Amino acid sequence: SRRNSNMERAMKSVAEVAIEVTAKESVICKGGRVAEKELLTLIELL
């Protein structure tokens, strides 16, 4: 049960980061710029 709980939390965290990654990707692909620190923070979270 504890392993399942830890896994569920990890899956939720990864899903939240995935949303941020998609948002940054959309901005950059449209020619916009994102602060490099934000990208590095997402990599650290992953």
All heavy atoms as atom14 arrays in JSON, in Angstrom:
{
  "sequence": "SRRNSNMERAMKSVAEVAIEVTAKESVICKGGRVAEKELLTLIELL",
  "atom14_mask": [
    [1, 1, 1, 1, 1, 1, 0, 0, 0, 0, 0, 0, 0, 0],
    [1, 1, 1, 1, 1, 1, 1, 1, 1, 1, 1, 0, 0, 0],
    [1, 1, 1, 1, 1, 1, 1, 1, 1, 1, 1, 0, 0, 0],
    [1, 1, 1, 1, 1, 1, 1, 1, 0, 0, 0, 0, 0, 0],
    [1, 1, 1, 1, 1, 1, 0, 0, 0, 0, 0, 0, 0, 0],
    [1, 1, 1, 1, 1, 1, 1, 1, 0, 0, 0, 0, 0, 0],
    [1, 1, 1, 1, 1, 1, 1, 1, 0, 0, 0, 0, 0, 0],
    [1, 1, 1, 1, 1, 1, 1, 1, 1, 0, 0, 0, 0, 0],
    [1, 1, 1, 1, 1, 1, 1, 1, 1, 1, 1, 0, 0, 0],
    [1, 1, 1, 1, 1, 0, 0, 0, 0, 0, 0, 0, 0, 0],
    [1, 1, 1, 1, 1, 1, 1, 1, 0, 0, 0, 0, 0, 0],
    [1, 1, 1, 1, 1, 1, 1, 1, 1, 0, 0, 0, 0, 0],
    [1, 1, 1, 1, 1, 1, 0, 0, 0, 0, 0, 0, 0, 0],
    [1, 1, 1, 1, 1, 1, 1, 0, 0, 0, 0, 0, 0, 0],
    [1, 1, 1, 1, 1, 0, 0, 0, 0, 0, 0, 0, 0, 0],
    [1, 1, 1, 1, 1, 1, 1, 1, 1, 0, 0, 0, 0, 0],
    [1, 1, 1, 1, 1, 1, 1, 0, 0, 0, 0, 0, 0, 0],
    [1, 1, 1, 1, 1, 0, 0, 0, 0, 0, 0, 0, 0, 0],
    [1, 1, 1, 1, 1, 1, 1, 1, 0, 0, 0, 0, 0, 0],
    [1, 1, 1, 1, 1, 1, 1, 1, 1, 0, 0, 0, 0, 0],
    [1, 1, 1, 1, 1, 1, 1, 0, 0, 0, 0, 0, 0, 0],
    [1, 1, 1, 1, 1, 1, 1, 0, 0, 0, 0, 0, 0, 0],
    [1, 1, 1, 1, 1, 0, 0, 0, 0, 0, 0, 0, 0, 0],
    [1, 1, 1, 1, 1, 1, 1, 1, 1, 0, 0, 0, 0, 0],
    [1, 1, 1, 1, 1, 1, 1, 1, 1, 0, 0, 0, 0, 0],
    [1, 1, 1, 1, 1, 1, 0, 0, 0, 0, 0, 0, 0, 0],
    [1, 1, 1, 1, 1, 1, 1, 0, 0, 0, 0, 0, 0, 0],
    [1, 1, 1, 1, 1, 1, 1, 1, 0, 0, 0, 0, 0, 0],
    [1, 1, 1, 1, 1, 1, 0, 0, 0, 0, 0, 0, 0, 0],
    [1, 1, 1, 1, 1, 1, 1, 1, 1, 0, 0, 0, 0, 0],
    [1, 1, 1, 1, 0, 0, 0, 0, 0, 0, 0, 0, 0, 0],
    [1, 1, 1, 1, 0, 0, 0, 0, 0, 0, 0, 0, 0, 0],
    [1, 1, 1, 1, 1, 1, 1, 1, 1, 1, 1, 0, 0, 0],
    [1, 1, 1, 1, 1, 1, 1, 0, 0, 0, 0, 0, 0, 0],
    [1, 1, 1, 1, 1, 0, 0, 0, 0, 0, 0, 0, 0, 0],
    [1, 1, 1, 1, 1, 1, 1, 1, 1, 0, 0, 0, 0, 0],
    [1, 1, 1, 1, 1, 1, 1, 1, 1, 0, 0, 0, 0, 0],
    [1, 1, 1, 1, 1, 1, 1, 1, 1, 0, 0, 0, 0, 0],
    [1, 1, 1, 1, 1, 1, 1, 1, 0, 0, 0, 0, 0, 0],
    [1, 1, 1, 1, 1, 1, 1, 1, 0, 0, 0, 0, 0, 0],
    [1, 1, 1, 1, 1, 1, 1, 0, 0, 0, 0, 0, 0, 0],
    [1, 1, 1, 1, 1, 1, 1, 1, 0, 0, 0, 0, 0, 0],
    [1, 1, 1, 1, 1, 1, 1, 1, 0, 0, 0, 0, 0, 0],
    [1, 1, 1, 1, 1, 1, 1, 1, 1, 0, 0, 0, 0, 0],
    [1, 1, 1, 1, 1, 1, 1, 1, 0, 0, 0, 0, 0, 0],
    [1, 1, 1, 1, 1, 1, 1, 1, 0, 0, 0, 0, 0, 0]
  ],
  "atom14_positions": [
    [[0.83, -1.2, 0.0], [0.0, 0.0, 0.0], [0.86, 1.26, 0.0], [0.55, 2.24, -0.69], [-0.91, 0.0, 1.23], [-1.64, 1.19, 1.32], [0.0, 0.0, 0.0], [0.0, 0.0, 0.0], [0.0, 0.0, 0.0], [0.0, 0.0, 0.0], [0.0, 0.0, 0.0], [0.0, 0.0, 0.0], [0.0, 0.0, 0.0], [0.0, 0.0, 0.0]],
    [[1.96, 1.21, 0.74], [2.86, 2.37, 0.8], [3.53, 2.6, -0.54], [3.67, 3.74, -0.99], [3.91, 2.13, 1.89], [4.82, 3.32, 2.14], [5.73, 3.04, 3.3], [6.62, 4.17, 3.57], [7.51, 4.18, 4.57], [7.61, 3.15, 5.37], [8.28, 5.24, 4.75], [0.0, 0.0, 0.0], [0.0, 0.0, 0.0], [0.0, 0.0, 0.0]],
    [[3.95, 1.51, -1.2], [4.56, 1.64, -2.53], [3.57, 2.21, -3.53], [3.92, 3.07, -4.34], [5.07, 0.27, -3.01], [6.36, -0.18, -2.35], [6.98, -1.32, -3.1], [6.19, -2.53, -2.99], [6.41, -3.49, -2.11], [7.4, -3.39, -1.25], [5.64, -4.56, -2.08], [0.0, 0.0, 0.0], [0.0, 0.0, 0.0], [0.0, 0.0, 0.0]],
    [[2.34, 1.74, -3.45], [1.31, 2.26, -4.35], [1.07, 3.75, -4.12], [0.89, 4.52, -5.07], [0.0, 1.49, -4.17], [0.04, 0.12, -4.81], [0.71, -0.07, -5.84], [-0.65, -0.84, -4.23], [0.0, 0.0, 0.0], [0.0, 0.0, 0.0], [0.0, 0.0, 0.0], [0.0, 0.0, 0.0], [0.0, 0.0, 0.0], [0.0, 0.0, 0.0]],
    [[1.08, 4.15, -2.83], [0.86, 5.55, -2.5], [2.01, 6.41, -3.04], [1.77, 7.49, -3.62], [0.75, 5.71, -0.98], [0.59, 7.07, -0.63], [0.0, 0.0, 0.0], [0.0, 0.0, 0.0], [0.0, 0.0, 0.0], [0.0, 0.0, 0.0], [0.0, 0.0, 0.0], [0.0, 0.0, 0.0], [0.0, 0.0, 0.0], [0.0, 0.0, 0.0]],
    [[3.25, 5.95, -2.86], [4.4, 6.69, -3.38], [4.35, 6.79, -4.9], [4.69, 7.82, -5.49], [5.7, 6.02, -2.94], [5.95, 6.14, -1.45], [5.41, 7.04, -0.8], [6.74, 5.25, -0.89], [0.0, 0.0, 0.0], [0.0, 0.0, 0.0], [0.0, 0.0, 0.0], [0.0, 0.0, 0.0], [0.0, 0.0, 0.0], [0.0, 0.0, 0.0]],
    [[3.93, 5.7, -5.52], [3.84, 5.69, -6.98], [2.78, 6.67, -7.46], [2.99, 7.4, -8.45], [3.51, 4.28, -7.46], [3.38, 4.15, -8.98], [4.89, 4.64, -9.86], [6.01, 3.37, -9.3], [0.0, 0.0, 0.0], [0.0, 0.0, 0.0], [0.0, 0.0, 0.0], [0.0, 0.0, 0.0], [0.0, 0.0, 0.0], [0.0, 0.0, 0.0]],
    [[1.65, 6.71, -6.79], [0.58, 7.64, -7.18], [1.04, 9.08, -7.06], [0.75, 9.91, -7.93], [-0.66, 7.41, -6.3], [-1.36, 6.08, -6.52], [-1.92, 5.95, -7.92], [-2.33, 6.98, -8.49], [-1.95, 4.83, -8.45], [0.0, 0.0, 0.0], [0.0, 0.0, 0.0], [0.0, 0.0, 0.0], [0.0, 0.0, 0.0], [0.0, 0.0, 0.0]],
    [[1.77, 9.4, -5.98], [2.29, 10.76, -5.81], [3.29, 11.11, -6.91], [3.29, 12.23, -7.44], [2.92, 10.92, -4.43], [1.94, 11.02, -3.3], [2.59, 11.61, -2.05], [3.65, 10.75, -1.56], [3.48, 9.78, -0.66], [2.27, 9.55, -0.18], [4.49, 9.06, -0.24], [0.0, 0.0, 0.0], [0.0, 0.0, 0.0], [0.0, 0.0, 0.0]],
    [[4.15, 10.15, -7.24], [5.14, 10.39, -8.3], [4.46, 10.62, -9.64], [4.84, 11.52, -10.4], [6.1, 9.2, -8.39], [0.0, 0.0, 0.0], [0.0, 0.0, 0.0], [0.0, 0.0, 0.0], [0.0, 0.0, 0.0], [0.0, 0.0, 0.0], [0.0, 0.0, 0.0], [0.0, 0.0, 0.0], [0.0, 0.0, 0.0], [0.0, 0.0, 0.0]],
    [[3.45, 9.82, -9.93], [2.72, 9.97, -11.19], [2.04, 11.33, -11.27], [2.01, 11.98, -12.33], [1.69, 8.84, -11.33], [2.3, 7.47, -11.54], [1.08, 6.13, -11.5], [0.06, 6.53, -12.91], [0.0, 0.0, 0.0], [0.0, 0.0, 0.0], [0.0, 0.0, 0.0], [0.0, 0.0, 0.0], [0.0, 0.0, 0.0], [0.0, 0.0, 0.0]],
    [[1.48, 11.78, -10.16], [0.82, 13.08, -10.12], [1.83, 14.21, -10.35], [1.56, 15.16, -11.11], [0.13, 13.27, -8.77], [-0.64, 14.58, -8.66], [-1.34, 14.69, -7.31], [-2.1, 16.02, -7.2], [-2.76, 16.15, -5.87], [0.0, 0.0, 0.0], [0.0, 0.0, 0.0], [0.0, 0.0, 0.0], [0.0, 0.0, 0.0], [0.0, 0.0, 0.0]],
    [[3.0, 14.1, -9.72], [4.03, 15.14, -9.88], [4.53, 15.2, -11.32], [4.72, 16.29, -11.88], [5.2, 14.87, -8.93], [4.77, 14.93, -7.57], [0.0, 0.0, 0.0], [0.0, 0.0, 0.0], [0.0, 0.0, 0.0], [0.0, 0.0, 0.0], [0.0, 0.0, 0.0], [0.0, 0.0, 0.0], [0.0, 0.0, 0.0], [0.0, 0.0, 0.0]],
    [[4.75, 14.04, -11.92], [5.21, 13.99, -13.31], [4.17, 14.6, -14.24], [4.5, 15.33, -15.18], [5.53, 12.54, -13.73], [5.84, 12.47, -15.23], [6.72, 12.01, -12.93], [0.0, 0.0, 0.0], [0.0, 0.0, 0.0], [0.0, 0.0, 0.0], [0.0, 0.0, 0.0], [0.0, 0.0, 0.0], [0.0, 0.0, 0.0], [0.0, 0.0, 0.0]],
    [[2.9, 14.32, -13.97], [1.83, 14.88, -14.8], [1.8, 16.4, -14.71], [1.58, 17.09, -15.7], [0.49, 14.28, -14.37], [0.0, 0.0, 0.0], [0.0, 0.0, 0.0], [0.0, 0.0, 0.0], [0.0, 0.0, 0.0], [0.0, 0.0, 0.0], [0.0, 0.0, 0.0], [0.0, 0.0, 0.0], [0.0, 0.0, 0.0], [0.0, 0.0, 0.0]],
    [[2.02, 16.94, -13.5], [2.04, 18.4, -13.33], [3.21, 19.04, -14.08], [3.05, 20.08, -14.71], [2.11, 18.73, -11.84], [0.84, 18.37, -11.06], [1.0, 18.57, -9.56], [2.14, 18.83, -9.13], [0.0, 18.46, -8.83], [0.0, 0.0, 0.0], [0.0, 0.0, 0.0], [0.0, 0.0, 0.0], [0.0, 0.0, 0.0], [0.0, 0.0, 0.0]],
    [[4.37, 18.4, -14.02], [5.53, 18.92, -14.75], [5.28, 18.84, -16.25], [5.68, 19.72, -17.01], [6.81, 18.16, -14.36], [7.99, 18.64, -15.19], [7.11, 18.34, -12.88], [0.0, 0.0, 0.0], [0.0, 0.0, 0.0], [0.0, 0.0, 0.0], [0.0, 0.0, 0.0], [0.0, 0.0, 0.0], [0.0, 0.0, 0.0], [0.0, 0.0, 0.0]],
    [[4.62, 17.76, -16.67], [4.33, 17.58, -18.11], [3.5, 18.74, -18.65], [3.7, 19.19, -19.78], [3.61, 16.25, -18.33], [0.0, 0.0, 0.0], [0.0, 0.0, 0.0], [0.0, 0.0, 0.0], [0.0, 0.0, 0.0], [0.0, 0.0, 0.0], [0.0, 0.0, 0.0], [0.0, 0.0, 0.0], [0.0, 0.0, 0.0], [0.0, 0.0, 0.0]],
    [[2.57, 19.22, -17.84], [1.75, 20.36, -18.27], [2.62, 21.59, -18.47], [2.46, 22.34, -19.45], [0.65, 20.63, -17.21], [-0.34, 19.46, -17.16], [-0.1, 21.93, -17.54], [-1.37, 19.57, -16.06], [0.0, 0.0, 0.0], [0.0, 0.0, 0.0], [0.0, 0.0, 0.0], [0.0, 0.0, 0.0], [0.0, 0.0, 0.0], [0.0, 0.0, 0.0]],
    [[3.57, 21.81, -17.56], [4.48, 22.96, -17.67], [5.37, 22.82, -18.91], [5.63, 23.8, -19.61], [5.34, 23.07, -16.41], [4.57, 23.48, -15.16], [4.04, 24.9, -15.27], [4.71, 25.74, -15.89], [2.95, 25.17, -14.74], [0.0, 0.0, 0.0], [0.0, 0.0, 0.0], [0.0, 0.0, 0.0], [0.0, 0.0, 0.0], [0.0, 0.0, 0.0]],
    [[5.84, 21.59, -19.16], [6.7, 21.36, -20.33], [5.95, 21.69, -21.61], [6.47, 22.35, -22.52], [7.19, 19.9, -20.35], [7.92, 19.6, -21.66], [8.12, 19.63, -19.18], [0.0, 0.0, 0.0], [0.0, 0.0, 0.0], [0.0, 0.0, 0.0], [0.0, 0.0, 0.0], [0.0, 0.0, 0.0], [0.0, 0.0, 0.0], [0.0, 0.0, 0.0]],
    [[4.69, 21.25, -21.68], [3.87, 21.52, -22.86], [3.67, 23.02, -23.06], [3.72, 23.53, -24.19], [2.51, 20.82, -22.73], [2.71, 19.41, -22.54], [1.66, 21.04, -23.97], [0.0, 0.0, 0.0], [0.0, 0.0, 0.0], [0.0, 0.0, 0.0], [0.0, 0.0, 0.0], [0.0, 0.0, 0.0], [0.0, 0.0, 0.0], [0.0, 0.0, 0.0]],
    [[3.45, 23.74, -21.97], [3.25, 25.19, -22.06], [4.52, 25.89, -22.57], [4.44, 26.76, -23.44], [2.86, 25.74, -20.69], [0.0, 0.0, 0.0], [0.0, 0.0, 0.0], [0.0, 0.0, 0.0], [0.0, 0.0, 0.0], [0.0, 0.0, 0.0], [0.0, 0.0, 0.0], [0.0, 0.0, 0.0], [0.0, 0.0, 0.0], [0.0, 0.0, 0.0]],
    [[5.68, 25.51, -22.03], [6.94, 26.14, -22.48], [7.21, 25.8, -23.94], [7.69, 26.65, -24.71], [8.12, 25.66, -21.62], [7.95, 25.86, -20.13], [7.66, 27.28, -19.74], [7.56, 27.4, -18.23], [6.89, 28.62, -17.78], [0.0, 0.0, 0.0], [0.0, 0.0, 0.0], [0.0, 0.0, 0.0], [0.0, 0.0, 0.0], [0.0, 0.0, 0.0]],
    [[6.93, 24.57, -24.32], [7.16, 24.14, -25.7], [6.31, 24.96, -26.66], [6.76, 25.35, -27.74], [6.84, 22.65, -25.84], [7.14, 22.08, -27.21], [6.88, 20.59, -27.28], [6.05, 20.11, -26.46], [7.46, 19.92, -28.13], [0.0, 0.0, 0.0], [0.0, 0.0, 0.0], [0.0, 0.0, 0.0], [0.0, 0.0, 0.0], [0.0, 0.0, 0.0]],
    [[5.08, 25.24, -26.27], [4.19, 26.02, -27.12], [4.72, 27.44, -27.33], [4.69, 27.97, -28.44], [2.79, 26.07, -26.49], [1.92, 26.88, -27.25], [0.0, 0.0, 0.0], [0.0, 0.0, 0.0], [0.0, 0.0, 0.0], [0.0, 0.0, 0.0], [0.0, 0.0, 0.0], [0.0, 0.0, 0.0], [0.0, 0.0, 0.0], [0.0, 0.0, 0.0]],
    [[5.24, 28.05, -26.27], [5.77, 29.42, -26.36], [6.99, 29.47, -27.28], [7.09, 30.32, -28.17], [6.14, 29.94, -24.95], [6.88, 31.27, -25.06], [4.89, 30.11, -24.1], [0.0, 0.0, 0.0], [0.0, 0.0, 0.0], [0.0, 0.0, 0.0], [0.0, 0.0, 0.0], [0.0, 0.0, 0.0], [0.0, 0.0, 0.0], [0.0, 0.0, 0.0]],
    [[7.92, 28.54, -27.08], [9.17, 28.56, -27.85], [8.92, 28.22, -29.31], [9.52, 28.81, -30.21], [10.19, 27.6, -27.21], [10.59, 28.13, -25.82], [11.42, 27.44, -28.09], [11.49, 27.2, -25.04], [0.0, 0.0, 0.0], [0.0, 0.0, 0.0], [0.0, 0.0, 0.0], [0.0, 0.0, 0.0], [0.0, 0.0, 0.0], [0.0, 0.0, 0.0]],
    [[8.03, 27.24, -29.57], [7.74, 26.85, -30.95], [7.07, 27.99, -31.73], [7.14, 28.03, -32.96], [6.86, 25.61, -30.98], [7.72, 24.11, -30.46], [0.0, 0.0, 0.0], [0.0, 0.0, 0.0], [0.0, 0.0, 0.0], [0.0, 0.0, 0.0], [0.0, 0.0, 0.0], [0.0, 0.0, 0.0], [0.0, 0.0, 0.0], [0.0, 0.0, 0.0]],
    [[6.43, 28.91, -31.03], [5.8, 30.05, -31.69], [6.76, 31.24, -31.85], [6.36, 32.32, -32.25], [4.57, 30.5, -30.89], [3.41, 29.5, -30.94], [2.23, 29.99, -30.12], [1.08, 28.99, -30.16], [-0.08, 29.43, -29.34], [0.0, 0.0, 0.0], [0.0, 0.0, 0.0], [0.0, 0.0, 0.0], [0.0, 0.0, 0.0], [0.0, 0.0, 0.0]],
    [[8.04, 31.02, -31.51], [9.03, 32.07, -31.67], [9.27, 32.89, -30.43], [10.06, 33.84, -30.45], [0.0, 0.0, 0.0], [0.0, 0.0, 0.0], [0.0, 0.0, 0.0], [0.0, 0.0, 0.0], [0.0, 0.0, 0.0], [0.0, 0.0, 0.0], [0.0, 0.0, 0.0], [0.0, 0.0, 0.0], [0.0, 0.0, 0.0], [0.0, 0.0, 0.0]],
    [[8.59, 32.55, -29.35], [8.78, 33.3, -28.11], [10.0, 32.83, -27.34], [10.7, 31.9, -27.75], [0.0, 0.0, 0.0], [0.0, 0.0, 0.0], [0.0, 0.0, 0.0], [0.0, 0.0, 0.0], [0.0, 0.0, 0.0], [0.0, 0.0, 0.0], [0.0, 0.0, 0.0], [0.0, 0.0, 0.0], [0.0, 0.0, 0.0], [0.0, 0.0, 0.0]],
    [[10.29, 33.5, -26.24], [11.43, 33.17, -25.41], [10.98, 32.89, -23.99], [10.03, 33.48, -23.51], [12.46, 34.3, -25.42], [13.12, 34.5, -26.78], [14.17, 35.59, -26.74], [13.61, 36.86, -26.28], [13.9, 37.45, -25.13], [14.75, 36.88, -24.3], [13.35, 38.59, -24.81], [0.0, 0.0, 0.0], [0.0, 0.0, 0.0], [0.0, 0.0, 0.0]],
    [[11.69, 31.95, -23.33], [11.41, 31.59, -21.95], [12.7, 31.73, -21.16], [13.79, 31.41, -21.68], [10.89, 30.13, -21.86], [10.71, 29.71, -20.41], [9.59, 29.98, -22.64], [0.0, 0.0, 0.0], [0.0, 0.0, 0.0], [0.0, 0.0, 0.0], [0.0, 0.0, 0.0], [0.0, 0.0, 0.0], [0.0, 0.0, 0.0], [0.0, 0.0, 0.0]],
    [[12.59, 32.21, -19.95], [13.78, 32.35, -19.11], [14.42, 30.97, -18.92], [13.74, 30.0, -18.58], [13.4, 32.95, -17.76], [0.0, 0.0, 0.0], [0.0, 0.0, 0.0], [0.0, 0.0, 0.0], [0.0, 0.0, 0.0], [0.0, 0.0, 0.0], [0.0, 0.0, 0.0], [0.0, 0.0, 0.0], [0.0, 0.0, 0.0], [0.0, 0.0, 0.0]],
    [[15.72, 30.89, -19.17], [16.41, 29.59, -19.09], [16.28, 28.97, -17.7], [16.25, 27.75, -17.55], [17.88, 29.76, -19.45], [18.62, 28.43, -19.53], [20.05, 28.6, -20.0], [20.43, 29.74, -20.33], [20.78, 27.6, -20.03], [0.0, 0.0, 0.0], [0.0, 0.0, 0.0], [0.0, 0.0, 0.0], [0.0, 0.0, 0.0], [0.0, 0.0, 0.0]],
    [[16.18, 29.8, -16.69], [16.05, 29.31, -15.32], [14.79, 28.46, -15.17], [14.79, 27.47, -14.43], [16.03, 30.48, -14.35], [15.99, 30.06, -12.89], [16.02, 31.26, -11.96], [15.96, 30.82, -10.51], [15.96, 31.98, -9.58], [0.0, 0.0, 0.0], [0.0, 0.0, 0.0], [0.0, 0.0, 0.0], [0.0, 0.0, 0.0], [0.0, 0.0, 0.0]],
    [[13.71, 28.84, -15.86], [12.47, 28.08, -15.78], [12.64, 26.68, -16.37], [12.13, 25.7, -15.83], [11.34, 28.83, -16.51], [11.0, 30.17, -15.88], [9.87, 30.87, -16.61], [9.19, 30.2, -17.41], [9.67, 32.08, -16.39], [0.0, 0.0, 0.0], [0.0, 0.0, 0.0], [0.0, 0.0, 0.0], [0.0, 0.0, 0.0], [0.0, 0.0, 0.0]],
    [[13.34, 26.59, -17.48], [13.59, 25.28, -18.09], [14.47, 24.41, -17.2], [14.22, 23.21, -17.04], [14.25, 25.47, -19.47], [13.42, 26.26, -20.5], [14.22, 26.43, -21.78], [12.1, 25.56, -20.8], [0.0, 0.0, 0.0], [0.0, 0.0, 0.0], [0.0, 0.0, 0.0], [0.0, 0.0, 0.0], [0.0, 0.0, 0.0], [0.0, 0.0, 0.0]],
    [[15.5, 25.03, -16.6], [16.38, 24.28, -15.71], [15.63, 23.78, -14.48], [15.88, 22.66, -13.99], [17.55, 25.16, -15.29], [18.55, 25.52, -16.39], [19.59, 26.49, -15.87], [19.22, 24.27, -16.95], [0.0, 0.0, 0.0], [0.0, 0.0, 0.0], [0.0, 0.0, 0.0], [0.0, 0.0, 0.0], [0.0, 0.0, 0.0], [0.0, 0.0, 0.0]],
    [[14.71, 24.58, -13.97], [13.91, 24.17, -12.81], [13.07, 22.95, -13.12], [12.96, 22.01, -12.32], [12.99, 25.33, -12.35], [13.8, 26.45, -11.98], [12.14, 24.9, -11.16], [0.0, 0.0, 0.0], [0.0, 0.0, 0.0], [0.0, 0.0, 0.0], [0.0, 0.0, 0.0], [0.0, 0.0, 0.0], [0.0, 0.0, 0.0], [0.0, 0.0, 0.0]],
    [[12.47, 22.92, -14.32], [11.66, 21.77, -14.72], [12.52, 20.51, -14.85], [12.1, 19.43, -14.45], [10.95, 22.07, -16.05], [9.86, 23.13, -16.01], [9.3, 23.37, -17.4], [8.73, 22.72, -15.06], [0.0, 0.0, 0.0], [0.0, 0.0, 0.0], [0.0, 0.0, 0.0], [0.0, 0.0, 0.0], [0.0, 0.0, 0.0], [0.0, 0.0, 0.0]],
    [[13.71, 20.67, -15.39], [14.61, 19.51, -15.51], [14.98, 18.99, -14.13], [15.01, 17.76, -13.9], [15.88, 19.9, -16.3], [15.51, 20.19, -17.76], [16.92, 18.78, -16.23], [16.67, 20.65, -18.62], [0.0, 0.0, 0.0], [0.0, 0.0, 0.0], [0.0, 0.0, 0.0], [0.0, 0.0, 0.0], [0.0, 0.0, 0.0], [0.0, 0.0, 0.0]],
    [[15.25, 19.88, -13.18], [15.58, 19.48, -11.82], [14.42, 18.74, -11.17], [14.61, 17.74, -10.45], [15.97, 20.7, -10.99], [17.3, 21.31, -11.4], [17.6, 22.58, -10.62], [16.76, 22.96, -9.78], [18.67, 23.19, -10.84], [0.0, 0.0, 0.0], [0.0, 0.0, 0.0], [0.0, 0.0, 0.0], [0.0, 0.0, 0.0], [0.0, 0.0, 0.0]],
    [[13.19, 19.21, -11.4], [12.02, 18.54, -10.83], [11.88, 17.12, -11.38], [11.58, 16.18, -10.64], [10.76, 19.35, -11.15], [10.59, 20.67, -10.39], [9.38, 21.43, -10.92], [10.43, 20.41, -8.89], [0.0, 0.0, 0.0], [0.0, 0.0, 0.0], [0.0, 0.0, 0.0], [0.0, 0.0, 0.0], [0.0, 0.0, 0.0], [0.0, 0.0, 0.0]],
    [[12.1, 16.98, -12.68], [12.0, 15.65, -13.29], [13.1, 14.72, -12.77], [12.83, 13.54, -12.5], [12.09, 15.78, -14.82], [10.87, 16.41, -15.5], [11.16, 16.68, -16.96], [9.64, 15.52, -15.37], [0.0, 0.0, 0.0], [0.0, 0.0, 0.0], [0.0, 0.0, 0.0], [0.0, 0.0, 0.0], [0.0, 0.0, 0.0], [0.0, 0.0, 0.0]]
  ]
}
